Amino acid sequence: MDRSLLSLRSTLVFLLAVLAGAAAGGLTALAGDNTPRSLLAGLAAAGLAVPFFNRLIDSEATAIGPAGPSDPGAGEGENNG
C-alpha cells in the first residue's frame, strides 16, 4: 500500500471539523449542559463544519491564475471606457 488513505486536503477538512466539534462540545459542557447534549452539540457542529471547510479549502478556487479580467479585450482602452 503505497497510497495514503486520505488526501492532504481531506485530512485537513476532517481535522478542522473535529476541532470545531470538540470546541462546541466542550463549550456546551462548560455552559452547564449534561453530557448527551454536549455530545450532540459537538457532533452537530462537526457535521456542519465538514461542508463549510470543504468549500473554504476548495482546490479550484485557490488555484493561482491571472489576476486580471478573463477576457483580455475587456480592459480599459479606446472602445471600453
N, C-alpha and C. Protein backbone atom coordinates (compact mmCIF):
# COMPACT_ATOMS: atom_id res chain seq x y z
N MET A 1 0.83 -1.17 0.00
CA MET A 1 0.00 0.00 0.00
C MET A 1 0.88 1.24 0.00
N ASP A 2 1.06 1.80 -1.16
CA ASP A 2 1.88 3.00 -1.26
C ASP A 2 1.05 4.27 -1.16
N ARG A 3 -0.26 4.16 -1.43
CA ARG A 3 -1.11 5.34 -1.39
C ARG A 3 -1.60 5.59 0.03
N SER A 4 -1.84 6.85 0.32
CA SER A 4 -2.42 7.18 1.62
C SER A 4 -3.94 7.00 1.54
N LEU A 5 -4.56 6.84 2.69
CA LEU A 5 -5.99 6.61 2.72
C LEU A 5 -6.77 7.85 2.33
N LEU A 6 -6.34 9.01 2.81
CA LEU A 6 -6.99 10.28 2.51
C LEU A 6 -5.98 11.25 1.92
N SER A 7 -6.48 12.16 1.11
CA SER A 7 -5.60 13.21 0.59
C SER A 7 -5.31 14.21 1.70
N LEU A 8 -4.34 15.05 1.47
CA LEU A 8 -3.97 16.05 2.46
C LEU A 8 -5.12 17.03 2.70
N ARG A 9 -5.82 17.40 1.65
CA ARG A 9 -6.96 18.32 1.77
C ARG A 9 -8.08 17.70 2.59
N SER A 10 -8.41 16.43 2.33
CA SER A 10 -9.47 15.75 3.09
C SER A 10 -9.08 15.61 4.55
N THR A 11 -7.84 15.31 4.81
CA THR A 11 -7.37 15.19 6.18
C THR A 11 -7.49 16.52 6.91
N LEU A 12 -7.14 17.60 6.25
CA LEU A 12 -7.24 18.92 6.87
C LEU A 12 -8.70 19.30 7.13
N VAL A 13 -9.59 19.00 6.19
CA VAL A 13 -11.01 19.30 6.37
C VAL A 13 -11.56 18.53 7.57
N PHE A 14 -11.26 17.24 7.66
CA PHE A 14 -11.77 16.43 8.78
C PHE A 14 -11.14 16.83 10.11
N LEU A 15 -9.88 17.20 10.09
CA LEU A 15 -9.22 17.65 11.33
C LEU A 15 -9.86 18.93 11.84
N LEU A 16 -10.09 19.89 10.95
CA LEU A 16 -10.72 21.14 11.36
C LEU A 16 -12.15 20.91 11.84
N ALA A 17 -12.86 19.98 11.22
CA ALA A 17 -14.23 19.66 11.66
C ALA A 17 -14.23 19.02 13.04
N VAL A 18 -13.28 18.14 13.30
CA VAL A 18 -13.18 17.51 14.63
C VAL A 18 -12.83 18.56 15.68
N LEU A 19 -11.94 19.47 15.36
CA LEU A 19 -11.59 20.52 16.31
C LEU A 19 -12.77 21.44 16.58
N ALA A 20 -13.54 21.77 15.55
CA ALA A 20 -14.72 22.61 15.75
C ALA A 20 -15.77 21.89 16.59
N GLY A 21 -15.95 20.60 16.35
CA GLY A 21 -16.90 19.82 17.13
C GLY A 21 -16.47 19.68 18.58
N ALA A 22 -15.18 19.47 18.79
CA ALA A 22 -14.68 19.36 20.16
C ALA A 22 -14.82 20.68 20.91
N ALA A 23 -14.57 21.77 20.22
CA ALA A 23 -14.72 23.08 20.85
C ALA A 23 -16.18 23.35 21.19
N ALA A 24 -17.09 23.03 20.28
CA ALA A 24 -18.51 23.25 20.55
C ALA A 24 -19.00 22.36 21.69
N GLY A 25 -18.58 21.11 21.69
CA GLY A 25 -18.97 20.20 22.77
C GLY A 25 -18.39 20.62 24.11
N GLY A 26 -17.16 21.04 24.10
CA GLY A 26 -16.53 21.49 25.34
C GLY A 26 -17.17 22.76 25.89
N LEU A 27 -17.47 23.70 25.02
CA LEU A 27 -18.13 24.93 25.47
C LEU A 27 -19.54 24.65 25.97
N THR A 28 -20.22 23.71 25.34
CA THR A 28 -21.55 23.34 25.80
C THR A 28 -21.49 22.68 27.17
N ALA A 29 -20.48 21.84 27.39
CA ALA A 29 -20.32 21.20 28.69
C ALA A 29 -19.97 22.24 29.76
N LEU A 30 -19.13 23.21 29.39
CA LEU A 30 -18.77 24.25 30.36
C LEU A 30 -19.96 25.17 30.67
N ALA A 31 -20.90 25.26 29.76
CA ALA A 31 -22.08 26.09 29.99
C ALA A 31 -23.04 25.45 30.99
N GLY A 32 -22.83 24.19 31.29
CA GLY A 32 -23.64 23.54 32.31
C GLY A 32 -24.62 22.51 31.79
N ASP A 33 -24.61 22.24 30.49
CA ASP A 33 -25.50 21.21 29.96
C ASP A 33 -24.95 19.83 30.29
N ASN A 34 -25.82 18.84 30.21
CA ASN A 34 -25.39 17.48 30.52
C ASN A 34 -24.59 16.88 29.37
N THR A 35 -24.02 15.72 29.60
CA THR A 35 -23.12 15.10 28.63
C THR A 35 -23.78 14.77 27.30
N PRO A 36 -24.99 14.18 27.29
CA PRO A 36 -25.60 13.89 25.98
C PRO A 36 -25.84 15.13 25.12
N ARG A 37 -26.24 16.21 25.75
CA ARG A 37 -26.45 17.45 24.97
C ARG A 37 -25.12 17.99 24.46
N SER A 38 -24.08 17.87 25.25
CA SER A 38 -22.76 18.33 24.81
C SER A 38 -22.27 17.51 23.63
N LEU A 39 -22.48 16.20 23.69
CA LEU A 39 -22.07 15.34 22.58
C LEU A 39 -22.87 15.66 21.31
N LEU A 40 -24.17 15.87 21.47
CA LEU A 40 -24.99 16.22 20.31
C LEU A 40 -24.58 17.56 19.70
N ALA A 41 -24.26 18.51 20.55
CA ALA A 41 -23.82 19.81 20.04
C ALA A 41 -22.49 19.68 19.30
N GLY A 42 -21.57 18.89 19.85
CA GLY A 42 -20.29 18.68 19.20
C GLY A 42 -20.42 17.95 17.88
N LEU A 43 -21.27 16.92 17.84
CA LEU A 43 -21.47 16.18 16.59
C LEU A 43 -22.16 17.04 15.54
N ALA A 44 -23.11 17.85 15.97
CA ALA A 44 -23.79 18.74 15.02
C ALA A 44 -22.82 19.77 14.45
N ALA A 45 -21.98 20.32 15.31
CA ALA A 45 -21.01 21.31 14.84
C ALA A 45 -20.00 20.67 13.89
N ALA A 46 -19.57 19.46 14.20
CA ALA A 46 -18.62 18.77 13.32
C ALA A 46 -19.28 18.44 11.98
N GLY A 47 -20.54 18.02 12.02
CA GLY A 47 -21.24 17.71 10.78
C GLY A 47 -21.44 18.93 9.89
N LEU A 48 -21.70 20.07 10.50
CA LEU A 48 -21.85 21.30 9.71
C LEU A 48 -20.51 21.88 9.27
N ALA A 49 -19.45 21.56 10.01
CA ALA A 49 -18.14 22.11 9.70
C ALA A 49 -17.51 21.43 8.49
N VAL A 50 -17.86 20.17 8.22
CA VAL A 50 -17.25 19.47 7.08
C VAL A 50 -17.57 20.16 5.76
N PRO A 51 -18.84 20.42 5.42
CA PRO A 51 -19.07 21.13 4.15
C PRO A 51 -18.55 22.56 4.15
N PHE A 52 -18.56 23.21 5.34
CA PHE A 52 -18.04 24.57 5.41
C PHE A 52 -16.56 24.61 5.08
N PHE A 53 -15.77 23.77 5.74
CA PHE A 53 -14.33 23.77 5.48
C PHE A 53 -14.01 23.19 4.11
N ASN A 54 -14.85 22.28 3.62
CA ASN A 54 -14.63 21.74 2.29
C ASN A 54 -14.78 22.84 1.25
N ARG A 55 -15.78 23.71 1.42
CA ARG A 55 -15.96 24.82 0.49
C ARG A 55 -14.91 25.89 0.70
N LEU A 56 -14.48 26.07 1.95
CA LEU A 56 -13.48 27.09 2.26
C LEU A 56 -12.12 26.73 1.67
N ILE A 57 -11.79 25.46 1.73
CA ILE A 57 -10.50 24.99 1.22
C ILE A 57 -10.74 24.32 -0.12
N ASP A 58 -11.34 25.02 -1.05
CA ASP A 58 -11.65 24.48 -2.36
C ASP A 58 -10.40 24.50 -3.22
N SER A 59 -10.09 23.37 -3.83
CA SER A 59 -8.85 23.29 -4.61
C SER A 59 -8.92 24.10 -5.89
N GLU A 60 -10.10 24.24 -6.49
CA GLU A 60 -10.20 25.01 -7.73
C GLU A 60 -10.17 26.50 -7.47
N ALA A 61 -10.74 26.94 -6.36
CA ALA A 61 -10.79 28.37 -6.07
C ALA A 61 -9.44 28.90 -5.62
N THR A 62 -8.60 28.05 -5.08
CA THR A 62 -7.30 28.51 -4.61
C THR A 62 -6.21 28.37 -5.66
N ALA A 63 -6.58 27.92 -6.85
CA ALA A 63 -5.58 27.79 -7.90
C ALA A 63 -5.09 29.18 -8.30
N ILE A 64 -3.82 29.28 -8.53
CA ILE A 64 -3.23 30.57 -8.89
C ILE A 64 -3.47 30.81 -10.38
N GLY A 65 -4.11 31.90 -10.66
CA GLY A 65 -4.42 32.24 -12.04
C GLY A 65 -4.13 33.70 -12.29
N PRO A 66 -4.47 34.18 -13.47
CA PRO A 66 -4.24 35.59 -13.76
C PRO A 66 -5.14 36.47 -12.90
N ALA A 67 -4.62 37.59 -12.47
CA ALA A 67 -5.36 38.49 -11.59
C ALA A 67 -6.28 39.42 -12.36
N GLY A 68 -6.09 39.54 -13.65
CA GLY A 68 -6.87 40.45 -14.46
C GLY A 68 -8.17 39.83 -14.92
N PRO A 69 -8.89 40.54 -15.77
CA PRO A 69 -10.15 40.01 -16.29
C PRO A 69 -9.90 38.80 -17.18
N SER A 70 -10.92 37.94 -17.29
CA SER A 70 -10.74 36.73 -18.08
C SER A 70 -10.69 37.01 -19.57
N ASP A 71 -11.32 38.10 -19.99
CA ASP A 71 -11.31 38.48 -21.39
C ASP A 71 -10.24 39.55 -21.59
N PRO A 72 -9.18 39.26 -22.34
CA PRO A 72 -8.11 40.24 -22.47
C PRO A 72 -8.56 41.54 -23.15
N GLY A 73 -9.62 41.51 -23.93
CA GLY A 73 -10.09 42.71 -24.61
C GLY A 73 -11.05 43.53 -23.76
N ALA A 74 -11.32 43.11 -22.53
CA ALA A 74 -12.31 43.80 -21.70
C ALA A 74 -11.71 44.89 -20.83
N GLY A 75 -10.42 45.12 -20.92
CA GLY A 75 -9.78 46.14 -20.12
C GLY A 75 -10.06 47.52 -20.66
N GLU A 76 -9.49 48.52 -20.01
CA GLU A 76 -9.68 49.88 -20.46
C GLU A 76 -8.95 50.11 -21.77
N GLY A 77 -9.54 50.84 -22.62
CA GLY A 77 -8.95 51.15 -23.92
C GLY A 77 -9.80 52.20 -24.61
N GLU A 78 -9.57 52.38 -25.88
CA GLU A 78 -10.31 53.40 -26.61
C GLU A 78 -11.80 53.10 -26.63
N ASN A 79 -12.16 51.84 -26.84
CA ASN A 79 -13.56 51.49 -27.02
C ASN A 79 -14.23 51.01 -25.72
N ASN A 80 -13.49 50.88 -24.65
CA ASN A 80 -14.05 50.30 -23.43
C ASN A 80 -14.16 51.28 -22.28
N GLY A 81 -14.07 52.51 -22.50
CA GLY A 81 -14.34 53.43 -21.41
C GLY A 81 -13.26 54.37 -21.15
